[in-house]
Protein backbone atom coordinates (compact mmCIF):
# COMPACT_ATOMS: atom_id res chain seq x y z
CA UNK A 1 96.41 160.59 100.89
CA UNK A 2 94.22 161.34 103.82
CA UNK A 3 96.27 162.15 107.02
CA UNK A 4 93.48 161.68 109.58
CA UNK A 5 94.43 159.52 112.58
CA UNK A 6 92.90 156.18 112.31
CA UNK A 7 93.13 155.34 115.97
CA UNK A 8 92.19 156.98 119.27
CA UNK A 9 94.97 158.07 121.60
CA UNK A 10 94.20 158.86 125.30
CA UNK A 11 95.66 160.43 128.44
CA UNK A 12 92.95 158.99 130.66
CA UNK A 13 95.47 157.33 133.06
CA UNK A 14 92.84 156.04 135.39
CA UNK A 15 91.30 154.03 132.51
CA UNK A 16 94.84 152.84 131.55
CA UNK A 17 95.29 151.51 135.08
CA UNK A 18 92.03 149.47 134.61
CA UNK A 19 93.00 148.19 131.29
CA UNK A 20 96.34 147.11 132.56
CA UNK A 21 95.06 145.46 135.74
CA UNK A 22 92.55 143.58 133.47
CA UNK A 23 95.56 142.03 131.76
CA UNK A 24 95.78 144.11 128.65
CA UNK A 25 99.01 145.19 127.06
CA UNK A 26 98.60 148.57 125.78
CA UNK A 27 100.68 150.42 123.06
CA UNK A 28 101.82 153.83 124.19
CA UNK A 29 104.04 156.70 123.28
CA UNK A 30 106.69 158.29 125.43
CA UNK A 31 108.48 161.54 124.53
CA UNK A 32 111.74 162.25 126.17
CA UNK A 33 114.93 164.42 125.78
CA UNK A 34 118.10 162.32 124.73
CA UNK A 35 120.09 165.22 126.26
CA UNK A 36 118.54 164.88 129.71
CA UNK A 37 117.71 168.68 129.88
CA UNK A 38 121.07 169.95 128.50
CA UNK A 39 121.10 172.20 125.51
CA UNK A 40 120.37 171.75 122.74
CA UNK A 41 117.40 169.43 123.61
CA UNK A 42 116.98 166.36 121.51
CA UNK A 43 113.46 165.33 121.85
CA UNK A 44 112.22 161.92 120.41
CA UNK A 45 109.02 159.85 120.80
CA UNK A 46 109.24 156.12 121.10
CA UNK A 47 106.59 153.42 120.90
CA UNK A 48 106.35 151.46 124.07
CA UNK A 49 104.21 148.81 125.76
CA UNK A 50 102.53 149.31 129.20
CA UNK A 51 101.76 146.33 131.27
CA UNK A 52 100.98 145.19 134.85
CA UNK A 53 102.39 142.05 136.41
CA UNK A 54 102.13 140.49 139.69
CA UNK A 55 105.34 139.57 141.54
CA UNK A 56 106.04 135.76 141.66
CA UNK A 57 107.49 135.76 145.31
CA UNK A 58 105.92 138.92 146.89
CA UNK A 59 103.40 141.45 146.35
CA UNK A 60 106.16 144.05 146.73
CA UNK A 61 106.99 143.21 143.17
CA UNK A 62 103.51 143.90 141.73
CA UNK A 63 103.84 146.70 139.32
CA UNK A 64 103.30 148.64 136.33
CA UNK A 65 105.97 148.94 133.51
CA UNK A 66 106.40 150.93 130.34
CA UNK A 67 109.09 149.36 128.23
CA UNK A 68 110.42 149.15 124.55
CA UNK A 69 113.06 146.76 123.27
CA UNK A 70 114.31 145.93 126.82
CA UNK A 71 114.48 149.73 127.89
CA UNK A 72 112.39 150.53 130.84
CA UNK A 73 111.14 154.10 130.41
CA UNK A 74 109.44 153.96 133.92
CA UNK A 75 107.99 151.51 136.36
CA UNK A 76 105.94 151.68 139.59
CA UNK A 77 106.09 148.80 142.06
CA UNK A 78 104.59 148.35 145.48
CA UNK A 79 108.12 148.47 147.02
CA UNK A 80 108.46 152.04 145.51
CA UNK A 81 105.79 153.32 147.79
CA UNK A 82 108.14 153.64 150.85
CA UNK A 83 110.15 156.35 149.21
CA UNK A 84 107.81 158.01 146.61
CA UNK A 85 105.01 160.51 147.22
CA UNK A 86 102.05 158.31 146.50
CA UNK A 87 99.56 156.29 148.70
CA UNK A 88 98.93 153.64 146.13
CA UNK A 89 100.73 151.89 143.35
CA UNK A 90 97.96 153.19 140.94
CA UNK A 91 98.45 156.74 142.18
CA UNK A 92 102.24 156.36 141.62
CA UNK A 93 101.90 154.90 138.05
CA UNK A 94 99.36 157.83 137.12
CA UNK A 95 101.74 160.44 138.51
CA UNK A 96 104.61 158.97 136.46
CA UNK A 97 102.33 158.93 133.36
CA UNK A 98 101.45 162.53 133.75
CA UNK A 99 105.16 163.57 134.43
CA UNK A 100 106.27 161.68 131.14
CA UNK A 101 103.33 162.90 129.13
CA UNK A 102 102.42 159.43 128.10
CA UNK A 103 99.69 158.82 125.49
CA UNK A 104 98.25 155.47 124.56
CA UNK A 105 96.27 153.86 121.87
CA UNK A 106 92.72 153.10 123.19
CA UNK A 107 92.24 149.36 122.64
CA UNK A 108 89.32 148.30 120.48
CA UNK A 109 88.53 145.06 122.26
């Protein structure tokens, strides 16, 4: 059996922002420590979905989300900008993607 990867993964977070703002749902991978930094580490990788949605009542609730089975790995909303070190919601989301070492499957369509 050939073990070559049959899909392209990416860490081009600016492109991910563009895909999500265009309405795409993007399959991604998030690796995290179940022990939250305590020894021994228990690293695992989950498959998740990244999406962008506009708030129904206010632009404060426009935002990016990375979720799986009801678990929110991380999110970036406009209202987060008042207490996070980012000038735009896109910048905040990209910073979170880097911090979490998110990778995503490049959509083919």
